[in-house]
Amino acid sequence: MRTEKIATGVVHDVPEDLRKELATDPAALSTWNGLTPLARNEWICWVISVKKPETRKEHVRRTRTELKEGMRRPCCWIGCIHRQDKPISPSIRGILDKRHAASDKA
């Protein structure tokens, strides 16, 4: 049985749970491998940046589904904040500052 390589992102490697999900679906895997490294990085970061295990499972499942629907990046995602090849944009910095302020109040 031939197994297709699963391409990775710019900053993040593909986590095992996402790797397994993609490997079960040739159409999703083909779309995944056709994305740019930056786009794959956004999906990976979207999956790994959640707090709850059940949310992560949902993001892994949605990644497969949404790739098959033609989505190239996760919807409504501010983008990977882990990249160090460019500064965080002022708009993203504002979002992160608001989140940080809200978590300080909690």
Protein backbone atom coordinates (compact mmCIF):
# COMPACT_ATOMS: atom_id res chain seq x y z
CA MET A 1 0.00 0.00 0.00
CA ARG A 2 1.40 3.39 -1.05
CA THR A 3 1.17 6.16 1.54
CA GLU A 4 1.33 9.76 0.44
CA LYS A 5 3.66 12.11 2.30
CA ILE A 6 1.93 14.69 4.49
CA ALA A 7 3.43 18.13 3.92
CA THR A 8 4.16 20.34 6.92
CA GLY A 9 3.85 24.04 7.75
CA VAL A 10 6.37 26.86 8.07
CA VAL A 11 6.65 26.96 11.85
CA HIS A 12 4.64 23.94 12.96
CA ASP A 13 4.94 20.24 12.21
CA VAL A 14 1.73 18.33 11.59
CA PRO A 15 0.55 16.92 14.94
CA GLU A 16 -0.18 13.21 15.10
CA ASP A 17 -3.95 13.57 15.50
CA LEU A 18 -4.21 15.79 12.41
CA ARG A 19 -1.79 13.53 10.51
CA LYS A 20 -4.01 10.50 11.21
CA GLU A 21 -7.17 12.37 10.15
CA LEU A 22 -5.62 13.50 6.86
CA ALA A 23 -4.25 10.02 6.16
CA THR A 24 -7.77 8.56 6.29
CA ASP A 25 -9.06 10.80 3.52
CA PRO A 26 -7.24 10.92 0.15
CA ALA A 27 -9.23 13.93 -1.08
CA ALA A 28 -8.46 16.00 2.02
CA LEU A 29 -4.82 14.92 1.93
CA SER A 30 -4.48 15.89 -1.71
CA THR A 31 -5.90 19.34 -0.98
CA TRP A 32 -3.65 19.65 2.10
CA ASN A 33 -0.53 18.85 0.12
CA GLY A 34 -1.60 21.37 -2.53
CA LEU A 35 -1.73 24.23 -0.03
CA THR A 36 1.17 26.62 0.49
CA PRO A 37 3.35 25.97 3.55
CA LEU A 38 1.92 29.17 5.10
CA ALA A 39 -1.66 27.98 4.61
CA ARG A 40 -0.85 24.57 6.14
CA ASN A 41 0.80 26.40 9.02
CA GLU A 42 -2.43 28.34 9.66
CA TRP A 43 -4.46 25.11 9.85
CA ILE A 44 -1.93 23.48 12.19
CA CYS A 45 -1.80 26.52 14.47
CA TRP A 46 -5.61 26.67 14.50
CA VAL A 47 -5.72 23.03 15.64
CA ILE A 48 -3.04 23.25 18.33
CA SER A 49 -3.97 26.65 19.82
CA VAL A 50 -7.17 25.55 21.57
CA LYS A 51 -7.47 24.85 25.28
CA LYS A 52 -9.92 21.96 25.51
CA PRO A 53 -9.29 18.46 24.11
CA GLU A 54 -12.84 18.28 22.73
CA THR A 55 -12.33 21.56 20.85
CA ARG A 56 -9.10 20.23 19.39
CA LYS A 57 -10.87 17.07 18.18
CA GLU A 58 -13.49 19.26 16.53
CA HIS A 59 -10.82 21.38 14.84
CA VAL A 60 -9.05 18.28 13.53
CA ARG A 61 -12.32 16.96 12.11
CA ARG A 62 -13.27 20.34 10.66
CA THR A 63 -9.86 20.68 9.00
CA ARG A 64 -10.51 17.52 6.99
CA THR A 65 -14.08 18.51 6.17
CA GLU A 66 -13.31 22.11 5.24
CA LEU A 67 -10.36 21.14 3.05
CA LYS A 68 -12.71 18.89 1.09
CA GLU A 69 -15.13 21.82 0.79
CA GLY A 70 -12.39 23.89 -0.82
CA MET A 71 -11.37 26.10 2.09
CA ARG A 72 -7.73 27.12 1.91
CA ARG A 73 -7.42 28.59 5.42
CA PRO A 74 -9.40 28.32 8.66
CA CYS A 75 -12.29 30.77 8.80
CA CYS A 76 -12.15 33.65 11.27
CA TRP A 77 -8.64 32.76 12.47
CA ILE A 78 -6.33 35.66 13.37
CA GLY A 79 -3.34 33.76 12.04
CA CYS A 80 -0.31 32.06 13.52
CA ILE A 81 1.34 34.17 16.19
CA HIS A 82 4.31 31.81 16.39
CA ARG A 83 6.00 32.95 13.19
CA GLN A 84 9.19 34.90 13.80
CA ASP A 85 10.01 35.82 10.20
CA LYS A 86 7.79 38.91 10.38
CA PRO A 87 6.35 41.13 13.10
CA ILE A 88 2.77 40.70 14.27
CA SER A 89 0.54 43.22 12.51
CA PRO A 90 -0.98 46.07 14.53
CA SER A 91 -4.49 44.66 14.08
CA ILE A 92 -3.47 41.23 15.41
CA ARG A 93 -1.50 42.87 18.24
CA GLY A 94 -4.72 44.70 19.24
CA ILE A 95 -6.67 41.43 19.32
CA LEU A 96 -3.99 39.73 21.40
CA ASP A 97 -3.81 42.68 23.82
CA LYS A 98 -7.60 42.56 24.32
CA ARG A 99 -7.44 38.81 25.00
CA HIS A 100 -4.61 39.30 27.46
CA ALA A 101 -6.49 42.08 29.27
CA ALA A 102 -9.62 39.93 29.49
CA SER A 103 -7.68 36.97 30.90
CA ASP A 104 -6.06 39.25 33.51
CA LYS A 105 -9.54 40.26 34.72
CA ALA A 106 -10.69 36.65 35.08
